[in-house]
């Protein structure tokens, strides 16, 4: 009898553990998780630079972006197809701080402006990602969930506006049936660290007439 009771308790514990694991799997997915600079390894942040709020970016910086008139970073997508998801909730404690641009898988991803490939990085959240600095190192442009990079793309490479740099996909934690480009803009800190910056809402920049 004691053996049967012990077996019942053991089975109950296994069932509880399985249920807890299932609940963890069904929690809302976290896309690009802003984090403080890495503790030890500068090559191991989560997926996107640290952001505070687009409101913290001064008007002069916004004017600079508007004057640059960024290229739509996904080929064939028009301004009226975009939706403002900058403040959309991601988990219980943060907002999106980016724009999701929906497009068929392997649609070419284009450089939003002239710049340099500051970092190619693969993360659990963002999948295949590209960090581009503008020539003045004022802004970082972040491209995530890529299916693949453009052939021979490498860190330190100079890239030009509208150049193909990758392809839309679902790598990282993007839903497999919803290919899209996660596109973010960050104003860099004076240290010009690719994982640090202040988030700027891409939507009004990309949709200006």
N, C-alpha and C. Protein backbone atom coordinates (compact mmCIF):
# COMPACT_ATOMS: atom_id res chain seq x y z
N UNK A 1 0.84 -1.21 0.00
CA UNK A 1 0.00 0.00 0.00
C UNK A 1 0.87 1.26 0.00
N UNK A 2 1.93 1.28 0.83
CA UNK A 2 2.82 2.44 0.88
C UNK A 2 3.48 2.68 -0.46
N UNK A 3 3.82 1.56 -1.15
CA UNK A 3 4.46 1.69 -2.46
C UNK A 3 3.52 2.34 -3.46
N UNK A 4 2.23 1.96 -3.43
CA UNK A 4 1.24 2.53 -4.34
C UNK A 4 1.03 4.01 -4.05
N UNK A 5 1.01 4.39 -2.77
CA UNK A 5 0.84 5.80 -2.40
C UNK A 5 2.03 6.62 -2.90
N UNK A 6 3.24 6.07 -2.68
CA UNK A 6 4.43 6.78 -3.13
C UNK A 6 4.43 6.96 -4.64
N UNK A 7 3.98 5.91 -5.35
CA UNK A 7 3.91 5.99 -6.81
C UNK A 7 2.92 7.06 -7.25
N UNK A 8 1.79 7.13 -6.55
CA UNK A 8 0.77 8.13 -6.89
C UNK A 8 1.32 9.54 -6.70
N UNK A 9 2.03 9.77 -5.59
CA UNK A 9 2.64 11.09 -5.36
C UNK A 9 3.66 11.44 -6.44
N UNK A 10 4.46 10.44 -6.85
CA UNK A 10 5.48 10.67 -7.87
C UNK A 10 4.85 11.04 -9.19
N UNK A 11 3.77 10.33 -9.58
CA UNK A 11 3.07 10.64 -10.83
C UNK A 11 2.46 12.03 -10.77
N UNK A 12 1.93 12.39 -9.60
CA UNK A 12 1.35 13.72 -9.44
C UNK A 12 2.39 14.81 -9.61
N UNK A 13 3.57 14.60 -9.08
CA UNK A 13 4.65 15.58 -9.20
C UNK A 13 5.07 15.75 -10.65
N UNK A 14 5.15 14.60 -11.37
CA UNK A 14 5.52 14.68 -12.78
C UNK A 14 4.48 15.44 -13.58
N UNK A 15 3.20 15.21 -13.27
CA UNK A 15 2.12 15.92 -13.96
C UNK A 15 2.19 17.41 -13.71
N UNK A 16 2.44 17.80 -12.45
CA UNK A 16 2.57 19.22 -12.12
C UNK A 16 3.74 19.86 -12.85
N UNK A 17 4.85 19.14 -12.92
CA UNK A 17 6.03 19.68 -13.60
C UNK A 17 5.75 19.86 -15.09
N UNK A 18 5.06 18.88 -15.68
CA UNK A 18 4.73 18.99 -17.10
C UNK A 18 3.80 20.16 -17.37
N UNK A 19 2.84 20.38 -16.47
CA UNK A 19 1.90 21.49 -16.63
C UNK A 19 2.64 22.83 -16.52
N UNK A 20 3.56 22.93 -15.56
CA UNK A 20 4.32 24.17 -15.40
C UNK A 20 5.15 24.46 -16.64
N UNK A 21 5.76 23.42 -17.21
CA UNK A 21 6.56 23.60 -18.41
C UNK A 21 5.69 24.05 -19.58
N UNK A 22 4.51 23.47 -19.71
CA UNK A 22 3.59 23.85 -20.79
C UNK A 22 3.16 25.31 -20.66
N UNK A 23 2.92 25.76 -19.44
CA UNK A 23 2.53 27.15 -19.22
C UNK A 23 3.66 28.09 -19.62
N UNK A 24 4.90 27.69 -19.32
CA UNK A 24 6.02 28.53 -19.71
C UNK A 24 6.11 28.65 -21.22
N UNK A 25 5.81 27.54 -21.92
CA UNK A 25 5.88 27.56 -23.37
C UNK A 25 4.79 28.42 -23.99
N UNK A 26 3.67 28.59 -23.30
CA UNK A 26 2.56 29.34 -23.87
C UNK A 26 2.50 30.78 -23.38
N UNK A 27 3.50 31.23 -22.65
CA UNK A 27 3.55 32.63 -22.25
C UNK A 27 3.73 33.49 -23.49
N UNK A 28 3.29 34.76 -23.46
CA UNK A 28 3.48 35.64 -24.61
C UNK A 28 4.95 35.69 -25.02
N UNK A 29 5.20 35.58 -26.34
CA UNK A 29 6.58 35.60 -26.80
C UNK A 29 7.17 36.98 -26.60
N UNK A 30 8.48 37.03 -26.38
CA UNK A 30 9.19 38.29 -26.22
C UNK A 30 10.04 38.48 -27.46
N UNK A 31 9.87 39.59 -28.12
CA UNK A 31 10.61 39.81 -29.36
C UNK A 31 11.98 40.38 -29.01
N UNK A 32 12.26 41.60 -29.35
CA UNK A 32 13.55 42.18 -29.05
C UNK A 32 13.55 42.75 -27.64
N UNK A 33 14.32 42.14 -26.74
CA UNK A 33 14.26 42.49 -25.33
C UNK A 33 15.33 43.51 -24.99
N UNK A 34 14.96 44.77 -24.72
CA UNK A 34 15.99 45.75 -24.34
C UNK A 34 16.68 45.34 -23.04
N UNK A 35 17.96 45.42 -23.03
CA UNK A 35 18.71 45.02 -21.84
C UNK A 35 19.77 46.05 -21.52
N UNK A 36 20.27 46.01 -20.30
CA UNK A 36 21.43 46.82 -19.94
C UNK A 36 22.63 46.22 -20.64
N UNK A 37 23.68 46.99 -20.82
CA UNK A 37 24.87 46.48 -21.50
C UNK A 37 25.31 45.16 -20.88
N UNK A 38 25.85 44.24 -21.69
CA UNK A 38 26.24 42.92 -21.20
C UNK A 38 27.16 43.01 -20.00
N UNK A 39 27.00 42.05 -19.08
CA UNK A 39 27.82 42.04 -17.87
C UNK A 39 29.30 41.80 -18.18
N UNK A 40 29.55 40.81 -19.05
CA UNK A 40 30.94 40.44 -19.26
C UNK A 40 31.34 40.46 -20.73
N UNK A 41 30.43 40.06 -21.60
CA UNK A 41 30.78 39.87 -23.01
C UNK A 41 30.00 40.84 -23.86
N UNK A 42 30.69 41.78 -24.49
CA UNK A 42 30.02 42.79 -25.31
C UNK A 42 29.38 42.19 -26.53
N UNK A 43 29.68 40.93 -26.85
CA UNK A 43 29.07 40.27 -28.00
C UNK A 43 27.87 39.44 -27.60
N UNK A 44 27.35 39.63 -26.41
CA UNK A 44 26.25 38.79 -25.97
C UNK A 44 25.11 39.55 -25.33
N UNK A 45 24.57 40.59 -26.00
CA UNK A 45 23.35 41.20 -25.49
C UNK A 45 22.16 40.34 -25.85
N UNK A 46 20.97 40.74 -25.50
CA UNK A 46 19.79 39.96 -25.91
C UNK A 46 19.66 40.10 -27.41
N UNK A 47 18.90 41.07 -27.90
CA UNK A 47 18.79 41.17 -29.34
C UNK A 47 18.82 42.58 -29.84
N UNK A 48 18.37 43.53 -29.05
CA UNK A 48 18.32 44.90 -29.54
C UNK A 48 19.00 45.83 -28.56
N UNK A 49 19.43 46.99 -29.04
CA UNK A 49 20.05 47.95 -28.12
C UNK A 49 19.11 48.36 -27.01
N UNK A 50 19.70 48.79 -25.91
CA UNK A 50 18.90 49.29 -24.81
C UNK A 50 18.13 50.52 -25.26
N UNK A 51 16.82 50.55 -25.05
CA UNK A 51 16.04 51.72 -25.42
C UNK A 51 15.29 52.25 -24.22
N UNK A 52 15.06 53.54 -24.19
CA UNK A 52 14.23 54.09 -23.11
C UNK A 52 12.89 54.49 -23.68
N UNK A 53 12.88 55.54 -24.49
CA UNK A 53 11.63 55.97 -25.10
C UNK A 53 11.92 56.91 -26.23
N UNK A 54 11.11 56.83 -27.28
CA UNK A 54 11.29 57.73 -28.40
C UNK A 54 11.12 59.17 -27.96
N UNK A 55 10.37 59.40 -26.91
CA UNK A 55 10.14 60.76 -26.44
C UNK A 55 11.42 61.40 -25.92
N UNK A 56 12.41 60.57 -25.57
CA UNK A 56 13.65 61.09 -25.02
C UNK A 56 14.60 61.60 -26.10
N UNK A 57 14.29 61.34 -27.35
CA UNK A 57 15.14 61.78 -28.45
C UNK A 57 14.80 63.22 -28.79
N UNK A 58 15.80 64.07 -28.88
CA UNK A 58 15.52 65.48 -29.08
C UNK A 58 15.00 65.77 -30.49
N UNK A 59 14.36 66.92 -30.64
CA UNK A 59 13.73 67.30 -31.90
C UNK A 59 14.73 67.39 -33.04
N UNK A 60 15.95 67.83 -32.73
CA UNK A 60 16.97 67.97 -33.77
C UNK A 60 17.28 66.61 -34.40
N UNK A 61 17.34 65.56 -33.56
CA UNK A 61 17.61 64.22 -34.07
C UNK A 61 16.49 63.75 -34.98
N UNK A 62 15.26 64.03 -34.58
CA UNK A 62 14.11 63.64 -35.41
C UNK A 62 14.16 64.38 -36.74
N UNK A 63 14.49 65.65 -36.71
CA UNK A 63 14.60 66.43 -37.95
C UNK A 63 15.65 65.84 -38.88
N UNK A 64 16.75 65.36 -38.29
CA UNK A 64 17.80 64.74 -39.10
C UNK A 64 17.27 63.52 -39.82
N UNK A 65 16.53 62.68 -39.13
CA UNK A 65 15.95 61.48 -39.74
C UNK A 65 14.94 61.85 -40.82
N UNK A 66 14.11 62.84 -40.55
CA UNK A 66 13.11 63.24 -41.52
C UNK A 66 13.77 63.81 -42.78
N UNK A 67 14.85 64.54 -42.59
CA UNK A 67 15.56 65.12 -43.72
C UNK A 67 16.22 64.04 -44.57
N UNK A 68 16.66 62.97 -43.92
CA UNK A 68 17.32 61.88 -44.63
C UNK A 68 16.33 61.10 -45.50
N UNK A 69 15.04 61.11 -45.13
CA UNK A 69 13.99 60.42 -45.89
C UNK A 69 14.41 58.98 -46.19
N UNK A 70 14.35 58.17 -45.16
CA UNK A 70 14.79 56.78 -45.25
C UNK A 70 14.07 56.03 -46.36
N UNK A 71 14.80 55.11 -46.97
CA UNK A 71 14.21 54.19 -47.93
C UNK A 71 13.39 53.15 -47.18
N UNK A 72 12.24 52.76 -47.74
CA UNK A 72 11.46 51.67 -47.14
C UNK A 72 12.35 50.43 -47.09
N UNK A 73 12.54 49.85 -45.90
CA UNK A 73 13.51 48.76 -45.79
C UNK A 73 13.05 47.40 -46.30
N UNK A 74 11.82 47.29 -46.79
CA UNK A 74 11.36 46.04 -47.40
C UNK A 74 10.88 46.34 -48.82
N UNK A 75 11.44 45.65 -49.77
CA UNK A 75 11.13 45.91 -51.17
C UNK A 75 9.65 45.66 -51.47
N UNK A 76 9.04 46.61 -52.19
CA UNK A 76 7.66 46.43 -52.64
C UNK A 76 6.61 46.85 -51.64
N UNK A 77 6.99 47.27 -50.44
CA UNK A 77 6.03 47.71 -49.42
C UNK A 77 5.84 49.22 -49.54
N UNK A 78 4.58 49.67 -49.50
CA UNK A 78 4.29 51.10 -49.59
C UNK A 78 3.99 51.67 -48.21
N UNK A 79 4.03 53.01 -48.10
CA UNK A 79 3.80 53.67 -46.82
C UNK A 79 2.44 53.31 -46.22
N UNK A 80 1.43 53.21 -47.07
CA UNK A 80 0.08 52.97 -46.53
C UNK A 80 -0.14 51.54 -46.05
N UNK A 81 0.84 50.70 -46.22
CA UNK A 81 0.73 49.33 -45.70
C UNK A 81 1.29 49.20 -44.29
N UNK A 82 1.91 50.25 -43.80
CA UNK A 82 2.55 50.18 -42.49
C UNK A 82 1.57 50.45 -41.36
N UNK A 83 1.86 49.88 -40.20
CA UNK A 83 1.06 50.10 -38.99
C UNK A 83 2.02 50.47 -37.85
N UNK A 84 1.60 51.42 -37.05
CA UNK A 84 2.43 51.90 -35.95
C UNK A 84 2.34 50.91 -34.79
N UNK A 85 3.42 50.17 -34.55
CA UNK A 85 3.46 49.18 -33.46
C UNK A 85 4.50 49.55 -32.41
N UNK A 86 4.96 50.80 -32.43
CA UNK A 86 6.05 51.21 -31.54
C UNK A 86 5.70 51.02 -30.07
N UNK A 87 4.46 51.37 -29.69
CA UNK A 87 4.07 51.28 -28.28
C UNK A 87 3.30 50.01 -27.97
N UNK A 88 3.20 49.10 -28.92
CA UNK A 88 2.48 47.85 -28.68
C UNK A 88 3.16 47.05 -27.56
N UNK A 89 2.36 46.41 -26.73
CA UNK A 89 2.90 45.66 -25.60
C UNK A 89 3.65 44.43 -26.07
N UNK A 90 4.77 44.16 -25.44
CA UNK A 90 5.54 42.93 -25.63
C UNK A 90 5.83 42.38 -24.25
N UNK A 91 5.05 41.38 -23.83
CA UNK A 91 5.14 40.92 -22.47
C UNK A 91 4.41 41.89 -21.56
N UNK A 92 4.68 41.82 -20.28
CA UNK A 92 3.93 42.61 -19.31
C UNK A 92 4.63 43.89 -18.89
N UNK A 93 5.88 44.10 -19.34
CA UNK A 93 6.62 45.22 -18.77
C UNK A 93 7.33 46.10 -19.79
N UNK A 94 7.06 45.93 -21.08
CA UNK A 94 7.77 46.75 -22.05
C UNK A 94 6.95 46.92 -23.31
N UNK A 95 7.38 47.84 -24.14
CA UNK A 95 6.72 48.07 -25.42
C UNK A 95 7.64 47.65 -26.56
N UNK A 96 7.09 47.59 -27.73
CA UNK A 96 7.76 47.05 -28.91
C UNK A 96 8.97 47.87 -29.34
N UNK A 97 8.84 49.19 -29.39
CA UNK A 97 9.90 50.12 -29.76
C UNK A 97 10.49 49.81 -31.14
N UNK A 98 9.63 49.43 -32.08
CA UNK A 98 10.06 49.11 -33.44
C UNK A 98 8.81 49.07 -34.31
N UNK A 99 9.00 48.73 -35.58
CA UNK A 99 7.87 48.51 -36.47
C UNK A 99 8.03 47.15 -37.12
N UNK A 100 6.95 46.40 -37.23
CA UNK A 100 6.96 45.12 -37.93
C UNK A 100 6.41 45.36 -39.33
N UNK A 101 7.20 45.02 -40.34
CA UNK A 101 6.81 45.21 -41.73
C UNK A 101 6.57 43.83 -42.35
N UNK A 102 5.30 43.53 -42.58
CA UNK A 102 4.92 42.21 -43.08
C UNK A 102 5.24 42.10 -44.57
N UNK A 103 5.74 40.93 -44.97
CA UNK A 103 6.07 40.69 -46.38
C UNK A 103 6.30 39.19 -46.57
N UNK A 104 6.15 38.70 -47.79
CA UNK A 104 6.40 37.27 -48.03
C UNK A 104 7.85 36.89 -47.69
N UNK A 105 8.01 35.67 -47.29
CA UNK A 105 9.34 35.16 -46.97
C UNK A 105 10.29 35.37 -48.16
N UNK A 106 11.51 35.76 -47.84
CA UNK A 106 12.60 36.00 -48.79
C UNK A 106 12.40 37.26 -49.63
N UNK A 107 11.45 38.12 -49.25
CA UNK A 107 11.39 39.44 -49.87
C UNK A 107 12.68 40.19 -49.53
N UNK A 108 13.30 40.85 -50.50
CA UNK A 108 14.56 41.55 -50.19
C UNK A 108 14.38 42.63 -49.13
N UNK A 109 15.33 42.66 -48.19
CA UNK A 109 15.43 43.73 -47.18
C UNK A 109 16.47 44.71 -47.67
N UNK A 110 16.12 46.00 -47.66
CA UNK A 110 16.99 47.04 -48.22
C UNK A 110 17.57 47.92 -47.13
N UNK A 111 18.78 48.40 -47.33
CA UNK A 111 19.37 49.35 -46.40
C UNK A 111 18.54 50.62 -46.41
N UNK A 112 18.14 51.08 -45.24
CA UNK A 112 17.29 52.26 -45.15
C UNK A 112 18.03 53.54 -45.54
N UNK A 113 19.35 53.51 -45.42
CA UNK A 113 20.16 54.67 -45.77
C UNK A 113 21.60 54.21 -45.94
N UNK A 114 22.47 55.12 -46.36
CA UNK A 114 23.89 54.79 -46.45
C UNK A 114 24.44 54.53 -45.04
N UNK A 115 25.42 53.64 -44.95
CA UNK A 115 26.00 53.38 -43.64
C UNK A 115 27.01 52.26 -43.67
N UNK A 116 27.26 51.71 -42.48
CA UNK A 116 28.23 50.64 -42.31
C UNK A 116 27.61 49.52 -41.49
N UNK A 117 27.91 48.28 -41.87
CA UNK A 117 27.45 47.13 -41.08
C UNK A 117 28.27 47.09 -39.80
N UNK A 118 27.66 47.51 -38.70
CA UNK A 118 28.38 47.54 -37.42
C UNK A 118 28.46 46.17 -36.79
N UNK A 119 27.42 45.35 -37.00
CA UNK A 119 27.39 44.04 -36.35
C UNK A 119 26.41 43.12 -37.05
N UNK A 120 26.82 41.87 -37.27
CA UNK A 120 25.93 40.79 -37.66
C UNK A 120 25.81 39.89 -36.45
N UNK A 121 24.58 39.62 -36.02
CA UNK A 121 24.40 38.92 -34.76
C UNK A 121 23.22 37.97 -34.86
N UNK A 122 23.34 36.82 -34.25
CA UNK A 122 22.25 35.85 -34.18
C UNK A 122 21.83 35.71 -32.73
N UNK A 123 20.54 35.92 -32.45
CA UNK A 123 20.05 35.82 -31.08
C UNK A 123 18.79 34.98 -31.02
N UNK A 124 18.46 34.52 -29.84
CA UNK A 124 17.25 33.73 -29.64
C UNK A 124 16.01 34.54 -29.99
N UNK A 125 16.01 35.84 -29.66
CA UNK A 125 14.83 36.67 -29.90
C UNK A 125 14.78 37.17 -31.34
N UNK A 126 15.85 37.76 -31.81
CA UNK A 126 15.84 38.42 -33.11
C UNK A 126 16.25 37.56 -34.28
N UNK A 127 16.78 36.37 -34.00
CA UNK A 127 17.25 35.52 -35.09
C UNK A 127 18.44 36.16 -35.78
N UNK A 128 18.48 36.08 -37.10
CA UNK A 128 19.54 36.73 -37.86
C UNK A 128 19.28 38.23 -37.88
N UNK A 129 20.25 39.02 -37.43
CA UNK A 129 20.05 40.46 -37.33
C UNK A 129 21.21 41.23 -37.94
N UNK A 130 20.92 42.45 -38.33
CA UNK A 130 21.92 43.39 -38.84
C UNK A 130 21.81 44.68 -38.06
N UNK A 131 22.94 45.22 -37.62
CA UNK A 131 23.01 46.54 -37.01
C UNK A 131 23.78 47.43 -37.97
N UNK A 132 23.14 48.48 -38.46
CA UNK A 132 23.79 49.43 -39.37
C UNK A 132 23.96 50.78 -38.68
N UNK A 133 25.16 51.33 -38.73
CA UNK A 133 25.40 52.70 -38.26
C UNK A 133 25.37 53.64 -39.45
N UNK A 134 24.78 54.83 -39.26
CA UNK A 134 24.89 55.84 -40.31
C UNK A 134 26.31 56.40 -40.31
N UNK A 135 26.71 57.13 -41.37
CA UNK A 135 28.11 57.58 -41.47
C UNK A 135 28.58 58.41 -40.28
N UNK A 136 27.69 59.16 -39.65
CA UNK A 136 28.10 59.99 -38.51
C UNK A 136 28.03 59.25 -37.18
N UNK A 137 27.59 58.01 -37.21
CA UNK A 137 27.40 57.19 -36.01
C UNK A 137 26.44 57.87 -35.03
N UNK A 138 25.44 58.51 -35.60
CA UNK A 138 24.39 59.11 -34.77
C UNK A 138 23.28 58.11 -34.51
N UNK A 139 22.94 57.32 -35.54
CA UNK A 139 21.83 56.38 -35.44
C UNK A 139 22.27 54.97 -35.78
N UNK A 140 21.58 54.02 -35.14
CA UNK A 140 21.72 52.60 -35.47
C UNK A 140 20.40 52.12 -36.05
N UNK A 141 20.47 51.42 -37.17
CA UNK A 141 19.28 50.83 -37.79
C UNK A 141 19.38 49.31 -37.60
N UNK A 142 18.30 48.74 -37.07
CA UNK A 142 18.31 47.35 -36.63
C UNK A 142 17.31 46.54 -37.45
N UNK A 143 17.78 45.48 -38.10
CA UNK A 143 16.96 44.64 -38.96
C UNK A 143 16.96 43.23 -38.36
N UNK A 144 15.78 42.68 -38.07
CA UNK A 144 15.73 41.39 -37.36
C UNK A 144 14.78 40.40 -38.01
N UNK A 145 14.91 39.14 -37.62
CA UNK A 145 14.13 37.99 -38.09
C UNK A 145 14.45 37.63 -39.54
N UNK A 146 15.64 37.94 -40.00
CA UNK A 146 15.99 37.70 -41.40
C UNK A 146 16.05 36.21 -41.71
N UNK A 147 15.63 35.88 -42.91
CA UNK A 147 15.78 34.50 -43.41
C UNK A 147 17.24 34.22 -43.75
N UNK A 148 17.89 35.22 -44.32
CA UNK A 148 19.30 35.09 -44.70
C UNK A 148 19.88 36.47 -44.92
N UNK A 149 21.21 36.54 -44.88
CA UNK A 149 21.91 37.77 -45.24
C UNK A 149 22.14 37.79 -46.75
N UNK A 150 22.35 38.97 -47.30
CA UNK A 150 22.78 39.07 -48.69
C UNK A 150 24.15 38.40 -48.82
N UNK A 151 24.42 37.88 -50.00
CA UNK A 151 25.67 37.17 -50.23
C UNK A 151 26.87 38.06 -49.90
N UNK A 152 27.78 37.50 -49.13
CA UNK A 152 29.06 38.13 -48.79
C UNK A 152 28.93 39.33 -47.85
N UNK A 153 27.74 39.58 -47.30
CA UNK A 153 27.60 40.68 -46.34
C UNK A 153 28.52 40.42 -45.14
N UNK A 154 29.23 41.46 -44.69
CA UNK A 154 30.16 41.25 -43.59
C UNK A 154 30.26 42.51 -42.74
N UNK A 155 30.70 42.33 -41.51
CA UNK A 155 30.88 43.47 -40.60
C UNK A 155 31.95 44.41 -41.14
N UNK A 156 31.68 45.70 -40.97
CA UNK A 156 32.60 46.71 -41.47
C UNK A 156 32.33 47.12 -42.90
N UNK A 157 31.42 46.42 -43.57
CA UNK A 157 31.12 46.71 -44.97
C UNK A 157 30.35 48.03 -45.10
N UNK A 158 30.72 48.82 -46.08
CA UNK A 158 29.96 50.02 -46.41
C UNK A 158 28.77 49.60 -47.26
N UNK A 159 27.58 50.03 -46.87
CA UNK A 159 26.38 49.71 -47.64
C UNK A 159 25.69 51.00 -48.05
N UNK A 160 24.91 50.90 -49.11
CA UNK A 160 24.30 52.08 -49.69
C UNK A 160 22.78 51.98 -49.65
N UNK A 161 22.15 53.13 -49.57
CA UNK A 161 20.69 53.22 -49.55
C UNK A 161 20.08 52.33 -50.64
N UNK A 162 19.07 51.54 -50.24
CA UNK A 162 18.31 50.66 -51.12
C UNK A 162 19.08 49.42 -51.59
N UNK A 163 20.30 49.23 -51.07
CA UNK A 163 21.04 48.00 -51.38
C UNK A 163 20.42 46.82 -50.66
N UNK A 164 20.35 45.67 -51.33
CA UNK A 164 19.83 44.46 -50.68
C UNK A 164 20.85 43.97 -49.66
N UNK A 165 20.41 43.86 -48.39
CA UNK A 165 21.30 43.41 -47.33
C UNK A 165 20.84 42.11 -46.68
N UNK A 166 19.62 41.68 -47.00
CA UNK A 166 19.10 40.45 -46.41
C UNK A 166 17.73 40.13 -46.99
N UNK A 167 17.05 39.16 -46.33
CA UNK A 167 15.76 38.70 -46.83
C UNK A 167 14.81 38.45 -45.66
N UNK A 168 13.56 38.84 -45.85
CA UNK A 168 12.53 38.69 -44.81
C UNK A 168 12.39 37.23 -44.41
N UNK A 169 12.23 37.00 -43.11
CA UNK A 169 12.06 35.63 -42.64
C UNK A 169 11.34 35.55 -41.32
N UNK A 170 11.59 34.48 -40.59
CA UNK A 170 10.95 34.26 -39.29
C UNK A 170 11.94 33.70 -38.28
N UNK A 171 13.23 33.98 -38.45
CA UNK A 171 14.19 33.46 -37.49
C UNK A 171 14.00 34.14 -36.14
N UNK A 172 14.57 33.54 -35.11
CA UNK A 172 14.34 34.05 -33.75
C UNK A 172 12.98 33.61 -33.27
N UNK A 173 12.30 34.50 -32.55
CA UNK A 173 11.00 34.10 -31.99
C UNK A 173 9.81 34.61 -32.80
N UNK A 174 10.04 34.96 -34.07
CA UNK A 174 8.92 35.37 -34.93
C UNK A 174 8.01 34.18 -35.20
N UNK A 175 6.69 34.39 -35.26
CA UNK A 175 5.79 33.28 -35.59
C UNK A 175 6.15 32.71 -36.97
N UNK A 176 6.23 31.40 -37.11
CA UNK A 176 6.68 30.80 -38.37
C UNK A 176 5.75 31.08 -39.55
N UNK A 177 4.50 31.42 -39.26
CA UNK A 177 3.55 31.68 -40.34
C UNK A 177 3.35 33.18 -40.59
N UNK A 178 4.22 34.03 -40.03
CA UNK A 178 4.08 35.48 -40.20
C UNK A 178 5.43 36.12 -40.50
N UNK A 179 6.00 35.85 -41.67
CA UNK A 179 7.30 36.46 -41.99
C UNK A 179 7.19 37.98 -42.00
N UNK A 180 8.19 38.63 -41.42
CA UNK A 180 8.19 40.09 -41.37
C UNK A 180 9.59 40.58 -41.01
N UNK A 181 9.81 41.86 -41.27
CA UNK A 181 11.02 42.52 -40.82
C UNK A 181 10.71 43.31 -39.57
N UNK A 182 11.44 43.06 -38.52
CA UNK A 182 11.38 43.90 -37.31
C UNK A 182 12.44 44.97 -37.52
N UNK A 183 11.99 46.22 -37.66
CA UNK A 183 12.89 47.32 -37.99
C UNK A 183 12.85 48.34 -36.87
N UNK A 184 14.02 48.67 -36.33
CA UNK A 184 14.10 49.63 -35.23
C UNK A 184 15.17 50.67 -35.54
N UNK A 185 14.98 51.85 -34.95
CA UNK A 185 15.96 52.93 -35.05
C UNK A 185 16.34 53.34 -33.63
N UNK A 186 17.63 53.47 -33.38
CA UNK A 186 18.12 53.90 -32.08
C UNK A 186 19.11 55.04 -32.26
N UNK A 187 18.96 56.08 -31.45
CA UNK A 187 20.00 57.10 -31.42
C UNK A 187 21.10 56.58 -30.51
N UNK A 188 22.30 56.49 -31.04
CA UNK A 188 23.42 55.92 -30.30
C UNK A 188 23.86 56.82 -29.16
N UNK A 189 24.42 56.23 -28.14
CA UNK A 189 25.03 56.98 -27.05
C UNK A 189 26.41 57.45 -27.50
N UNK A 190 27.05 58.37 -26.77
CA UNK A 190 28.37 58.86 -27.18
C UNK A 190 29.43 57.77 -27.33
N UNK A 191 29.21 56.62 -26.67
CA UNK A 191 30.19 55.53 -26.78
C UNK A 191 30.09 54.77 -28.10
N UNK A 192 28.97 54.99 -28.85
CA UNK A 192 28.75 54.31 -30.13
C UNK A 192 28.82 52.79 -29.99
N UNK A 193 28.14 52.29 -28.97
CA UNK A 193 28.08 50.84 -28.75
C UNK A 193 26.82 50.30 -29.43
N UNK A 194 26.98 49.26 -30.22
CA UNK A 194 25.87 48.81 -31.07
C UNK A 194 24.69 48.24 -30.28
N UNK A 195 24.90 47.89 -29.02
CA UNK A 195 23.81 47.35 -28.22
C UNK A 195 23.14 48.41 -27.35
N UNK A 196 23.53 49.68 -27.48
CA UNK A 196 22.98 50.73 -26.63
C UNK A 196 22.44 51.88 -27.46
N UNK A 197 21.28 52.42 -27.04
CA UNK A 197 20.73 53.58 -27.73
C UNK A 197 19.37 53.95 -27.20
N UNK A 198 18.82 55.03 -27.72
CA UNK A 198 17.50 55.50 -27.34
C UNK A 198 16.57 55.28 -28.52
N UNK A 199 15.48 54.59 -28.28
CA UNK A 199 14.59 54.19 -29.37
C UNK A 199 13.87 55.39 -29.99
N UNK A 200 13.75 55.35 -31.32
CA UNK A 200 13.00 56.34 -32.09
C UNK A 200 11.92 55.59 -32.85
N UNK A 201 10.71 56.13 -32.88
CA UNK A 201 9.62 55.48 -33.58
C UNK A 201 9.84 55.56 -35.10
N UNK A 202 10.01 54.41 -35.78
CA UNK A 202 10.24 54.45 -37.23
C UNK A 202 9.00 54.83 -38.04
N UNK A 203 7.82 54.64 -37.46
CA UNK A 203 6.59 54.80 -38.26
C UNK A 203 6.44 56.19 -38.87
N UNK A 204 6.51 57.28 -38.09
CA UNK A 204 6.35 58.59 -38.72
C UNK A 204 7.49 58.94 -39.66
N UNK A 205 8.66 58.35 -39.45
CA UNK A 205 9.79 58.60 -40.33
C UNK A 205 9.56 57.94 -41.70
N UNK A 206 9.06 56.70 -41.68
CA UNK A 206 8.86 55.95 -42.92
C UNK A 206 7.59 56.38 -43.67
N UNK A 207 6.64 56.99 -42.97
CA UNK A 207 5.36 57.32 -43.61
C UNK A 207 5.21 58.81 -43.93
N UNK A 208 6.25 59.60 -43.70
CA UNK A 208 6.12 61.02 -44.03
C UNK A 208 5.90 61.18 -45.53
N UNK A 209 5.04 62.16 -45.93
CA UNK A 209 4.73 62.32 -47.35
C UNK A 209 5.93 62.80 -48.15
